[in-house]
Amino acid sequence: MKKQKGFSLIELLIVVAIILIIAAIAIPNLIRSKMAANEASAVASLRTINTGEVTYNNTYPGTFATMTSLGPGGTATCGVPAVGAACLIDNLLATATTVGTAKSGYVFLVTAGAAGTGTYTSEAEPATAQTGTRGFCSDQNLVLYYLAVGVPGVPGGSCTIATGKAL
């Protein structure tokens, strides 16, 4: 009788099936962990924006800044800080205002209140449904809020202090 060398087709199919089952279990968990990391990054970025706003308000009393004003003001590097280019946040965060320039899967918006009111709101929304599910927002009180279902790619209104839940 001849000795058989190698694997049979059945054995190979069983190994491939086991690998596919493991992949089917692992891939959704990987996607969820990536979304959780994006959400954690968005919260950290909002805290950075809040810190920048407080510093901006202390430097230029009675005013709060937009995203561009908090950053290098449209340039990639910081020179001498000024009202329109305070250099308080990095350029990557300052320009993360559209889906194409999202930071860690989130887009950001800062809306300064009317001059002299001492108010602002900051918001982070997922760029797409695959990068996150929650929207985050904050205001001059420095409390972070979240909305369980953010509107992908559309900052400006879905997460409000009135509708959000405090973190």
Foldseek 3Di string as FASTA:
>chain_A
DDDDDDDDPVVVVVVVVVVVVVCVVVPVVVLVVLLVVLVVVVVVLVLLQLVLQVVLCVVVPQWGDWLCQSAQNPDQDHDDADRRHNRSDHPLLSPQAFLVSNDSQKRKTKAIDPGRPQKIKIKIAGQDVSNYAKIWMDMNVSWIWIDRGGDHGDPDPPDDPVRTDTD
